C-alpha atoms as a PDB file:
ATOM      1  CA  MET A   1     155.702 104.793 105.072  1.00  0.00           C
ATOM      2  CA  ASP A   2     152.977 105.696 102.553  1.00  0.00           C
ATOM      3  CA  ASP A   3     150.575 103.160 104.046  1.00  0.00           C
ATOM      4  CA  THR A   4     151.023 104.608 107.527  1.00  0.00           C
ATOM      5  CA  LEU A   5     150.460 108.158 106.285  1.00  0.00           C
ATOM      6  CA  PHE A   6     147.319 107.125 104.413  1.00  0.00           C
ATOM      7  CA  PHE A   7     146.016 105.323 107.526  1.00  0.00           C
ATOM      8  CA  PHE A   8     146.508 108.391 109.772  1.00  0.00           C
ATOM      9  CA  MET A   9     144.934 110.727 107.199  1.00  0.00           C
ATOM     10  CA  ALA A  10     141.890 108.449 106.859  1.00  0.00           C
ATOM     11  CA  LEU A  11     141.611 108.185 110.636  1.00  0.00           C
ATOM     12  CA  THR A  12     141.819 111.987 110.978  1.00  0.00           C
ATOM     13  CA  LEU A  13     139.125 112.539 108.328  1.00  0.00           C
ATOM     14  CA  LEU A  14     136.867 110.000 110.057  1.00  0.00           C
ATOM     15  CA  GLY A  15     137.321 111.797 113.395  1.00  0.00           C
ATOM     16  CA  VAL A  16     136.500 115.197 111.858  1.00  0.00           C
ATOM     17  CA  TRP A  17     133.418 113.756 110.132  1.00  0.00           C
ATOM     18  CA  ILE A  18     132.152 112.218 113.405  1.00  0.00           C
ATOM     19  CA  PHE A  19     132.727 115.508 115.280  1.00  0.00           C
ATOM     20  CA  VAL A  20     130.909 117.644 112.683  1.00  0.00           C
ATOM     21  CA  SER A  21     127.941 115.286 112.339  1.00  0.00           C
ATOM     22  CA  GLY A  22     127.593 115.118 116.134  1.00  0.00           C
ATOM     23  CA  ARG A  23     127.462 118.916 116.369  1.00  0.00           C
ATOM     24  CA  ARG A  24     124.863 119.047 113.580  1.00  0.00           C
ATOM     25  CA  ARG A  25     122.702 116.422 115.313  1.00  0.00           C
ATOM     26  CA  LYS A  26     122.966 118.245 118.650  1.00  0.00           C
ATOM     27  CA  LYS A  27     121.941 121.540 117.044  1.00  0.00           C
ATOM     28  CA  ALA A  28     118.915 119.892 115.384  1.00  0.00           C
ATOM     29  CA  ALA A  29     117.869 118.323 118.714  1.00  0.00           C
ATOM     30  CA  GLU A  30     118.095 121.698 120.490  1.00  0.00           C
ATOM     31  CA  GLU A  31     116.021 123.337 117.750  1.00  0.00           C
ATOM     32  CA  LEU A  32     113.352 120.631 118.034  1.00  0.00           C
ATOM     33  CA  ARG A  33     113.302 120.942 121.817  1.00  0.00           C
ATOM     34  CA  SER A  34     112.739 124.701 121.538  1.00  0.00           C
ATOM     35  CA  GLN A  35     109.667 124.036 119.356  1.00  0.00           C
ATOM     36  CA  VAL A  36     108.123 121.627 121.900  1.00  0.00           C
ATOM     37  CA  VAL A  37     105.631 124.023 123.475  1.00  0.00           C
ATOM     38  CA  LYS A  38     102.052 123.826 124.672  1.00  0.00           C
ATOM     39  CA  GLY A  39      99.632 123.511 121.740  1.00  0.00           C
ATOM     40  CA  ALA A  40     102.138 122.077 119.241  1.00  0.00           C
ATOM     41  CA  PHE A  41     101.033 119.021 117.249  1.00  0.00           C
ATOM     42  CA  VAL A  42     103.797 116.403 117.388  1.00  0.00           C
ATOM     43  CA  MET A  43     104.677 112.884 116.311  1.00  0.00           C
ATOM     44  CA  LEU A  44     106.452 110.579 118.757  1.00  0.00           C
ATOM     45  CA  THR A  45     109.189 108.125 117.793  1.00  0.00           C
ATOM     46  CA  SER A  46     106.583 105.368 118.158  1.00  0.00           C
ATOM     47  CA  GLY A  47     104.372 107.002 115.504  1.00  0.00           C
ATOM     48  CA  ILE A  48     101.744 108.360 117.891  1.00  0.00           C
ATOM     49  CA  TYR A  49     100.363 111.806 117.052  1.00  0.00           C
ATOM     50  CA  GLY A  50      99.028 114.274 119.587  1.00  0.00           C
ATOM     51  CA  SER A  51      98.788 117.853 120.788  1.00  0.00           C
ATOM     52  CA  ILE A  52     100.990 118.988 123.662  1.00  0.00           C
ATOM     53  CA  VAL A  53      98.913 119.877 126.709  1.00  0.00           C
ATOM     54  CA  ASN A  54     101.715 120.449 129.207  1.00  0.00           C
ATOM     55  CA  VAL A  55     105.533 120.535 129.238  1.00  0.00           C
ATOM     56  CA  LYS A  56     107.196 119.929 132.598  1.00  0.00           C
ATOM     57  CA  ASP A  57     110.964 119.382 133.001  1.00  0.00           C
ATOM     58  CA  ASP A  58     111.783 116.312 130.909  1.00  0.00           C
ATOM     59  CA  ARG A  59     108.190 115.145 130.361  1.00  0.00           C
ATOM     60  CA  VAL A  60     105.470 116.064 127.895  1.00  0.00           C
ATOM     61  CA  GLU A  61     101.739 115.481 128.331  1.00  0.00           C
ATOM     62  CA  LEU A  62      99.982 114.752 125.025  1.00  0.00           C
ATOM     63  CA  GLU A  63      96.310 114.643 124.148  1.00  0.00           C
ATOM     64  CA  THR A  64      96.010 111.911 121.529  1.00  0.00           C
ATOM     65  CA  ALA A  65      92.207 111.973 121.354  1.00  0.00           C
ATOM     66  CA  PRO A  66      89.628 114.092 123.153  1.00  0.00           C
ATOM     67  CA  GLY A  67      89.998 113.200 126.830  1.00  0.00           C
ATOM     68  CA  GLN A  68      92.888 110.731 126.256  1.00  0.00           C
ATOM     69  CA  LYS A  69      96.250 111.909 127.621  1.00  0.00           C
ATOM     70  CA  LEU A  70      99.712 110.353 127.594  1.00  0.00           C
ATOM     71  CA  THR A  71     102.780 111.406 129.541  1.00  0.00           C
ATOM     72  CA  VAL A  72     106.037 110.687 127.706  1.00  0.00           C
ATOM     73  CA  ALA A  73     109.681 111.703 127.890  1.00  0.00           C
ATOM     74  CA  ILE A  74     110.505 114.837 125.937  1.00  0.00           C
ATOM     75  CA  GLY A  75     113.093 112.824 123.996  1.00  0.00           C
ATOM     76  CA  ALA A  76     110.291 110.724 122.511  1.00  0.00           C
ATOM     77  CA  VAL A  77     109.134 113.670 120.400  1.00  0.00           C
ATOM     78  CA  ARG A  78     110.329 112.956 116.881  1.00  0.00           C
ATOM     79  CA  SER A  79     108.978 115.947 114.968  1.00  0.00           C
ATOM     80  CA  ILE A  80     106.626 118.890 114.999  1.00  0.00           C
ATOM     81  CA  GLU A  81     103.813 118.215 112.531  1.00  0.00           C
ATOM     82  CA  LYS A  82     101.177 120.260 110.806  1.00  0.00           C
ATOM     83  CA  LYS A  83      97.722 119.722 112.239  1.00  0.00           C
ATOM     84  CA  LEU A  84      96.050 116.817 110.439  1.00  0.00           C
ATOM     85  CA  VAL A  85      92.880 117.794 108.628  1.00  0.00           C
ATOM     86  CA  LYS A  86      90.159 115.196 108.241  1.00  0.00           C
ATOM     87  CA  PRO A  87      89.190 114.649 104.608  1.00  0.00           C
ATOM     88  CA  ALA A  88      85.765 115.955 103.619  1.00  0.00           C
ATOM     89  CA  ALA A  89      82.968 113.446 103.209  1.00  0.00           C
ATOM     90  CA  ARG A  90      82.818 112.110  99.684  1.00  0.00           C
ATOM     91  CA  LYS A  91      79.967 113.301  97.571  1.00  0.00           C
ATOM     92  CA  ALA A  92      77.664 110.927  95.705  1.00  0.00           C
ATOM     93  CA  SER A  93      79.059 112.220  92.387  1.00  0.00           C
ATOM     94  CA  SER A  94      82.602 111.087  93.102  1.00  0.00           C
ATOM     95  CA  PRO A  95      84.172 108.726  90.541  1.00  0.00           C
ATOM     96  CA  ALA A  96      84.284 105.876  93.066  1.00  0.00           C
ATOM     97  CA  SER A  97      80.517 105.978  93.545  1.00  0.00           C
ATOM     98  CA  LYS A  98      79.821 105.853  89.777  1.00  0.00           C
ATOM     99  CA  THR A  99      81.197 102.346  89.412  1.00  0.00           C
ATOM    100  CA  LYS A 100      78.410  99.834  89.628  1.00  0.00           C
ATOM    101  CA  THR A 101      78.710  96.751  91.726  1.00  0.00           C
ATOM    102  CA  PRO A 102      76.923  93.663  90.483  1.00  0.00           C
ATOM    103  CA  ASP A 103      73.801  92.759  92.388  1.00  0.00           C
ATOM    104  CA  ALA A 104      73.037  89.276  93.690  1.00  0.00           C
ATOM    105  CA  LYS A 105      71.340  88.135  90.439  1.00  0.00           C
ATOM    106  CA  THR A 106      74.212  89.018  88.114  1.00  0.00           C
ATOM    107  CA  ARG A 107      77.096  87.797  90.254  1.00  0.00           C
ATOM    108  CA  ALA A 108      78.953  84.755  89.041  1.00  0.00           C
ATOM    109  CA  LYS A 109      78.204  81.688  91.090  1.00  0.00           C
ATOM    110  CA  PRO A 110      81.171  79.770  92.484  1.00  0.00           C
ATOM    111  CA  THR A 111      81.907  76.494  90.738  1.00  0.00           C
ATOM    112  CA  LYS A 112      82.673  73.253  92.486  1.00  0.00           C
ATOM    113  CA  SER A 113      86.173  72.082  91.906  1.00  0.00           C
ATOM    114  CA  GLY A 114      87.459  68.605  92.387  1.00  0.00           C
ATOM    115  CA  SER A 115      85.388  65.877  90.714  1.00  0.00           C
ATOM    116  CA  SER A 116      84.495  66.046  87.047  1.00  0.00           C
ATOM    117  CA  LYS A 117      82.072  63.195  86.192  1.00  0.00           C
END
């Protein structure tokens, strides 16, 4: 009798957990869909980034590069991202530029391996 009671309690808890997590996932999907508007910068499930140019029914038109547009399903939008900022050009005084690379005269010459006479 105890085993049967434990089984039904575990099954009930599993059902409640599945129901609650499904509601949470549905709410998150609706919130994301409300943020999919023209001008938003998004990432697709495939990892492609782009700005939304047009939203029509269940499709989204993205501009991935200037003049390059993709039309994808609205469900392919994974997240709304912050606009990526290109890093500034490195200055000549950066630490990476201070390290000296050996010139052709000071480089070690490769040795022949194999025979040692």
